[in-house]
Amino acid sequence: MKKVRTTNPELIKLIRFLKKQSRENKVNIWRDIAKDLAKPRRKRVAVNISRLNMHTEKNDMVAVPGKVLGAGNIDHPITVAALAFSERAKEKILAAKGKCLSFSGLIKRNPKGSNVKIIG
């Protein structure tokens, strides 16, 4: 049986970038996120805004190795980096004075990954 791998060139590039940053900065958080992103699509996480609201405090940084969905409400500003955002989720995060970033944007802001929570 043929082994199935990720064929999305942008996702492959992102996974390689995360692994490289993990080696260069000597931190494991980026490697863990890369490992989660390398999983099949059906095993990737989908996190609702309500779950982010439950597990975060004001001004937290969060990494979601999957998609952020718009179910629920958020009542404090957070910085979220994810593979994808639904339109409704992005609106709600921005309305709460939060930020939506890509993983490369999060790494530029915080290369050591300190105080970043992985939710998913």
N, C-alpha and C. Protein backbone atom coordinates (compact mmCIF):
# COMPACT_ATOMS: atom_id res chain seq x y z
N MET A 1 0.84 -1.18 0.00
CA MET A 1 0.00 0.00 0.00
C MET A 1 0.89 1.24 0.00
N LYS A 2 0.53 2.20 -0.81
CA LYS A 2 1.30 3.43 -0.94
C LYS A 2 1.10 4.30 0.30
N LYS A 3 2.21 4.86 0.81
CA LYS A 3 2.14 5.73 1.97
C LYS A 3 1.63 7.11 1.54
N VAL A 4 0.62 7.60 2.22
CA VAL A 4 0.01 8.89 1.88
C VAL A 4 0.73 9.98 2.67
N ARG A 5 1.13 11.04 1.97
CA ARG A 5 1.81 12.16 2.60
C ARG A 5 1.13 13.45 2.21
N THR A 6 1.48 14.50 2.90
CA THR A 6 0.97 15.82 2.59
C THR A 6 1.49 16.25 1.23
N THR A 7 0.60 16.74 0.38
CA THR A 7 1.02 17.18 -0.95
C THR A 7 0.88 18.69 -1.13
N ASN A 8 0.32 19.37 -0.14
CA ASN A 8 0.16 20.82 -0.21
C ASN A 8 1.54 21.46 -0.08
N PRO A 9 2.05 22.11 -1.13
CA PRO A 9 3.41 22.65 -1.07
C PRO A 9 3.59 23.74 -0.01
N GLU A 10 2.56 24.54 0.25
CA GLU A 10 2.66 25.58 1.27
C GLU A 10 2.75 24.96 2.67
N LEU A 11 1.99 23.89 2.90
CA LEU A 11 2.02 23.22 4.19
C LEU A 11 3.37 22.54 4.40
N ILE A 12 3.91 21.92 3.37
CA ILE A 12 5.23 21.28 3.47
C ILE A 12 6.29 22.32 3.80
N LYS A 13 6.21 23.47 3.16
CA LYS A 13 7.15 24.56 3.40
C LYS A 13 7.03 25.06 4.85
N LEU A 14 5.79 25.19 5.35
CA LEU A 14 5.57 25.63 6.73
C LEU A 14 6.13 24.63 7.73
N ILE A 15 5.93 23.34 7.49
CA ILE A 15 6.44 22.30 8.39
C ILE A 15 7.96 22.34 8.44
N ARG A 16 8.59 22.47 7.28
CA ARG A 16 10.06 22.56 7.24
C ARG A 16 10.55 23.82 7.96
N PHE A 17 9.85 24.93 7.78
CA PHE A 17 10.22 26.18 8.44
C PHE A 17 10.12 26.03 9.96
N LEU A 18 9.06 25.42 10.45
CA LEU A 18 8.89 25.23 11.90
C LEU A 18 9.98 24.33 12.47
N LYS A 19 10.33 23.26 11.75
CA LYS A 19 11.39 22.37 12.23
C LYS A 19 12.74 23.10 12.25
N LYS A 20 12.99 23.91 11.25
CA LYS A 20 14.24 24.67 11.19
C LYS A 20 14.33 25.66 12.35
N GLN A 21 13.22 26.36 12.64
CA GLN A 21 13.21 27.31 13.75
C GLN A 21 13.39 26.60 15.08
N SER A 22 12.86 25.39 15.19
CA SER A 22 13.03 24.60 16.40
C SER A 22 14.50 24.28 16.64
N ARG A 23 15.19 23.89 15.57
CA ARG A 23 16.63 23.58 15.70
C ARG A 23 17.45 24.84 15.99
N GLU A 24 17.18 25.93 15.26
CA GLU A 24 17.96 27.15 15.42
C GLU A 24 17.79 27.78 16.79
N ASN A 25 16.56 27.80 17.30
CA ASN A 25 16.29 28.44 18.58
C ASN A 25 16.37 27.49 19.76
N LYS A 26 16.62 26.20 19.48
CA LYS A 26 16.73 25.17 20.51
C LYS A 26 15.50 25.11 21.42
N VAL A 27 14.33 25.13 20.79
CA VAL A 27 13.06 25.00 21.52
C VAL A 27 12.22 23.91 20.86
N ASN A 28 11.41 23.23 21.64
CA ASN A 28 10.63 22.11 21.12
C ASN A 28 9.22 22.49 20.68
N ILE A 29 8.75 23.67 21.03
CA ILE A 29 7.36 24.03 20.73
C ILE A 29 7.10 24.05 19.22
N TRP A 30 8.04 24.56 18.45
CA TRP A 30 7.83 24.64 16.99
C TRP A 30 7.86 23.24 16.37
N ARG A 31 8.70 22.34 16.91
CA ARG A 31 8.73 20.97 16.42
C ARG A 31 7.41 20.25 16.72
N ASP A 32 6.86 20.49 17.90
CA ASP A 32 5.59 19.86 18.27
C ASP A 32 4.46 20.33 17.35
N ILE A 33 4.45 21.62 17.03
CA ILE A 33 3.42 22.14 16.13
C ILE A 33 3.60 21.55 14.74
N ALA A 34 4.85 21.43 14.28
CA ALA A 34 5.12 20.85 12.96
C ALA A 34 4.65 19.40 12.91
N LYS A 35 4.85 18.67 14.00
CA LYS A 35 4.41 17.28 14.05
C LYS A 35 2.89 17.19 13.96
N ASP A 36 2.19 18.10 14.63
CA ASP A 36 0.72 18.10 14.56
C ASP A 36 0.22 18.48 13.17
N LEU A 37 0.91 19.40 12.50
CA LEU A 37 0.50 19.81 11.16
C LEU A 37 0.78 18.73 10.11
N ALA A 38 1.72 17.84 10.39
CA ALA A 38 2.06 16.78 9.44
C ALA A 38 1.05 15.63 9.47
N LYS A 39 0.16 15.64 10.44
CA LYS A 39 -0.86 14.60 10.52
C LYS A 39 -1.84 14.73 9.36
N PRO A 40 -2.58 13.66 9.06
CA PRO A 40 -3.60 13.76 8.01
C PRO A 40 -4.65 14.82 8.36
N ARG A 41 -5.30 15.36 7.35
CA ARG A 41 -6.27 16.43 7.54
C ARG A 41 -7.40 16.03 8.47
N ARG A 42 -7.82 14.79 8.40
CA ARG A 42 -8.94 14.35 9.25
C ARG A 42 -8.57 14.30 10.73
N LYS A 43 -7.26 14.29 11.04
CA LYS A 43 -6.82 14.26 12.43
C LYS A 43 -6.40 15.63 12.95
N ARG A 44 -6.44 16.66 12.11
CA ARG A 44 -6.10 18.01 12.57
C ARG A 44 -7.22 18.55 13.44
N VAL A 45 -6.85 19.44 14.31
CA VAL A 45 -7.82 19.96 15.27
C VAL A 45 -8.62 21.12 14.69
N ALA A 46 -9.81 21.27 15.20
CA ALA A 46 -10.66 22.43 14.92
C ALA A 46 -11.10 22.96 16.29
N VAL A 47 -10.70 24.18 16.59
CA VAL A 47 -10.94 24.75 17.91
C VAL A 47 -11.92 25.91 17.79
N ASN A 48 -12.94 25.90 18.64
CA ASN A 48 -13.90 26.99 18.66
C ASN A 48 -13.41 28.14 19.53
N ILE A 49 -13.95 29.32 19.26
CA ILE A 49 -13.61 30.52 20.03
C ILE A 49 -13.93 30.31 21.52
N SER A 50 -15.03 29.62 21.81
CA SER A 50 -15.40 29.40 23.21
C SER A 50 -14.33 28.62 23.97
N ARG A 51 -13.67 27.68 23.30
CA ARG A 51 -12.60 26.91 23.94
C ARG A 51 -11.37 27.80 24.20
N LEU A 52 -11.07 28.67 23.25
CA LEU A 52 -9.97 29.62 23.46
C LEU A 52 -10.27 30.53 24.64
N ASN A 53 -11.52 30.98 24.74
CA ASN A 53 -11.93 31.86 25.83
C ASN A 53 -11.77 31.16 27.19
N MET A 54 -12.10 29.86 27.23
CA MET A 54 -12.03 29.09 28.48
C MET A 54 -10.60 28.90 28.97
N HIS A 55 -9.67 28.64 28.04
CA HIS A 55 -8.32 28.22 28.42
C HIS A 55 -7.27 29.33 28.34
N THR A 56 -7.69 30.58 28.14
CA THR A 56 -6.71 31.67 28.05
C THR A 56 -7.07 32.80 29.00
N GLU A 57 -6.07 33.62 29.24
CA GLU A 57 -6.24 34.84 30.02
C GLU A 57 -5.99 36.03 29.09
N LYS A 58 -6.13 37.22 29.61
CA LYS A 58 -5.92 38.43 28.84
C LYS A 58 -4.47 38.49 28.33
N ASN A 59 -4.31 38.82 27.04
CA ASN A 59 -3.02 38.99 26.36
C ASN A 59 -2.19 37.72 26.24
N ASP A 60 -2.79 36.55 26.31
CA ASP A 60 -2.07 35.29 26.09
C ASP A 60 -1.75 35.11 24.61
N MET A 61 -0.72 34.31 24.33
CA MET A 61 -0.39 33.91 22.97
C MET A 61 -0.75 32.44 22.83
N VAL A 62 -1.48 32.13 21.74
CA VAL A 62 -1.98 30.78 21.54
C VAL A 62 -1.60 30.30 20.14
N ALA A 63 -1.20 29.03 20.03
CA ALA A 63 -0.95 28.40 18.74
C ALA A 63 -1.95 27.26 18.56
N VAL A 64 -2.63 27.25 17.41
CA VAL A 64 -3.61 26.21 17.10
C VAL A 64 -3.13 25.48 15.84
N PRO A 65 -2.69 24.22 15.96
CA PRO A 65 -2.23 23.49 14.78
C PRO A 65 -3.40 22.92 13.97
N GLY A 66 -4.25 23.80 13.52
CA GLY A 66 -5.44 23.43 12.76
C GLY A 66 -6.23 24.68 12.44
N LYS A 67 -7.55 24.58 12.53
CA LYS A 67 -8.42 25.70 12.17
C LYS A 67 -9.14 26.24 13.39
N VAL A 68 -9.31 27.55 13.42
CA VAL A 68 -10.08 28.21 14.48
C VAL A 68 -11.47 28.50 13.92
N LEU A 69 -12.49 28.02 14.64
CA LEU A 69 -13.88 28.19 14.20
C LEU A 69 -14.57 29.24 15.07
N GLY A 70 -15.69 29.76 14.60
CA GLY A 70 -16.31 30.91 15.24
C GLY A 70 -17.42 30.65 16.24
N ALA A 71 -17.60 29.43 16.71
CA ALA A 71 -18.67 29.16 17.67
C ALA A 71 -18.28 29.68 19.05
N GLY A 72 -19.15 30.44 19.67
CA GLY A 72 -18.91 30.97 21.00
C GLY A 72 -18.50 32.42 20.96
N ASN A 73 -18.12 32.93 22.12
CA ASN A 73 -17.70 34.33 22.26
C ASN A 73 -16.37 34.39 22.98
N ILE A 74 -15.69 35.51 22.79
CA ILE A 74 -14.45 35.76 23.50
C ILE A 74 -14.54 37.15 24.13
N ASP A 75 -14.11 37.25 25.39
CA ASP A 75 -14.29 38.51 26.10
C ASP A 75 -12.98 39.18 26.52
N HIS A 76 -11.85 38.69 26.02
CA HIS A 76 -10.57 39.31 26.33
C HIS A 76 -9.65 39.21 25.10
N PRO A 77 -8.70 40.13 24.97
CA PRO A 77 -7.81 40.11 23.80
C PRO A 77 -6.73 39.03 23.93
N ILE A 78 -6.55 38.26 22.86
CA ILE A 78 -5.49 37.25 22.79
C ILE A 78 -4.85 37.31 21.41
N THR A 79 -3.67 36.77 21.29
CA THR A 79 -2.98 36.65 20.01
C THR A 79 -3.03 35.19 19.62
N VAL A 80 -3.60 34.91 18.45
CA VAL A 80 -3.80 33.54 18.00
C VAL A 80 -3.06 33.31 16.69
N ALA A 81 -2.27 32.24 16.63
CA ALA A 81 -1.63 31.81 15.40
C ALA A 81 -2.23 30.46 15.05
N ALA A 82 -2.67 30.30 13.80
CA ALA A 82 -3.31 29.06 13.39
C ALA A 82 -3.04 28.80 11.92
N LEU A 83 -3.31 27.56 11.51
CA LEU A 83 -3.18 27.20 10.10
C LEU A 83 -4.25 27.92 9.28
N ALA A 84 -5.47 28.02 9.84
CA ALA A 84 -6.56 28.69 9.14
C ALA A 84 -7.56 29.25 10.15
N PHE A 85 -8.27 30.28 9.73
CA PHE A 85 -9.32 30.89 10.54
C PHE A 85 -10.59 30.94 9.71
N SER A 86 -11.74 30.68 10.35
CA SER A 86 -13.00 30.96 9.66
C SER A 86 -13.21 32.47 9.71
N GLU A 87 -14.02 32.99 8.80
CA GLU A 87 -14.26 34.43 8.76
C GLU A 87 -14.88 34.92 10.07
N ARG A 88 -15.83 34.16 10.59
CA ARG A 88 -16.52 34.55 11.83
C ARG A 88 -15.55 34.56 13.01
N ALA A 89 -14.65 33.59 13.07
CA ALA A 89 -13.67 33.53 14.16
C ALA A 89 -12.73 34.73 14.11
N LYS A 90 -12.28 35.07 12.91
CA LYS A 90 -11.38 36.21 12.76
C LYS A 90 -12.07 37.50 13.19
N GLU A 91 -13.35 37.66 12.82
CA GLU A 91 -14.11 38.85 13.22
C GLU A 91 -14.21 38.95 14.74
N LYS A 92 -14.51 37.83 15.39
CA LYS A 92 -14.69 37.84 16.85
C LYS A 92 -13.38 38.13 17.58
N ILE A 93 -12.28 37.57 17.10
CA ILE A 93 -10.99 37.82 17.74
C ILE A 93 -10.59 39.28 17.59
N LEU A 94 -10.78 39.82 16.40
CA LEU A 94 -10.44 41.22 16.17
C LEU A 94 -11.36 42.17 16.92
N ALA A 95 -12.64 41.79 17.08
CA ALA A 95 -13.59 42.61 17.83
C ALA A 95 -13.22 42.68 19.32
N ALA A 96 -12.57 41.62 19.82
CA ALA A 96 -12.13 41.60 21.22
C ALA A 96 -10.75 42.24 21.38
N LYS A 97 -10.29 42.96 20.35
CA LYS A 97 -8.99 43.63 20.34
C LYS A 97 -7.81 42.64 20.31
N GLY A 98 -8.06 41.43 19.81
CA GLY A 98 -7.01 40.42 19.68
C GLY A 98 -6.34 40.49 18.32
N LYS A 99 -5.43 39.54 18.08
CA LYS A 99 -4.70 39.51 16.82
C LYS A 99 -4.73 38.10 16.25
N CYS A 100 -4.85 38.01 14.92
CA CYS A 100 -4.78 36.74 14.20
C CYS A 100 -3.49 36.73 13.39
N LEU A 101 -2.63 35.74 13.64
CA LEU A 101 -1.34 35.66 12.98
C LEU A 101 -1.15 34.33 12.28
N SER A 102 -0.17 34.31 11.38
CA SER A 102 0.30 33.04 10.83
C SER A 102 1.39 32.53 11.77
N PHE A 103 1.84 31.31 11.55
CA PHE A 103 2.90 30.78 12.41
C PHE A 103 4.21 31.53 12.19
N SER A 104 4.48 31.93 10.96
CA SER A 104 5.72 32.69 10.72
C SER A 104 5.67 34.04 11.42
N GLY A 105 4.50 34.68 11.48
CA GLY A 105 4.35 35.93 12.21
C GLY A 105 4.56 35.76 13.70
N LEU A 106 4.09 34.64 14.24
CA LEU A 106 4.27 34.36 15.66
C LEU A 106 5.74 34.10 15.97
N ILE A 107 6.44 33.41 15.08
CA ILE A 107 7.85 33.12 15.30
C ILE A 107 8.67 34.41 15.23
N LYS A 108 8.30 35.33 14.35
CA LYS A 108 9.01 36.60 14.27
C LYS A 108 8.82 37.41 15.55
N ARG A 109 7.64 37.35 16.14
CA ARG A 109 7.36 38.09 17.38
C ARG A 109 7.99 37.42 18.59
N ASN A 110 8.04 36.08 18.58
CA ASN A 110 8.47 35.33 19.76
C ASN A 110 9.26 34.09 19.31
N PRO A 111 10.53 34.25 18.90
CA PRO A 111 11.29 33.11 18.36
C PRO A 111 11.53 31.99 19.36
N LYS A 112 11.61 32.30 20.64
CA LYS A 112 11.83 31.26 21.65
C LYS A 112 10.54 30.54 22.04
N GLY A 113 9.40 31.08 21.65
CA GLY A 113 8.13 30.44 21.96
C GLY A 113 7.75 30.51 23.43
N SER A 114 8.30 31.48 24.15
CA SER A 114 7.99 31.58 25.57
C SER A 114 6.57 32.08 25.76
N ASN A 115 5.88 31.49 26.71
CA ASN A 115 4.49 31.83 27.06
C ASN A 115 3.51 31.62 25.90
N VAL A 116 3.78 30.67 25.03
CA VAL A 116 2.84 30.33 23.96
C VAL A 116 2.17 29.02 24.35
N LYS A 117 0.84 29.02 24.33
CA LYS A 117 0.07 27.81 24.65
C LYS A 117 -0.35 27.14 23.35
N ILE A 118 -0.23 25.82 23.29
CA ILE A 118 -0.76 25.06 22.16
C ILE A 118 -2.12 24.54 22.60
N ILE A 119 -3.15 24.92 21.86
CA ILE A 119 -4.49 24.46 22.18
C ILE A 119 -5.01 23.66 21.00
N GLY A 120 -5.41 22.45 21.29
CA GLY A 120 -5.92 21.63 20.21
C GLY A 120 -5.83 20.17 20.46
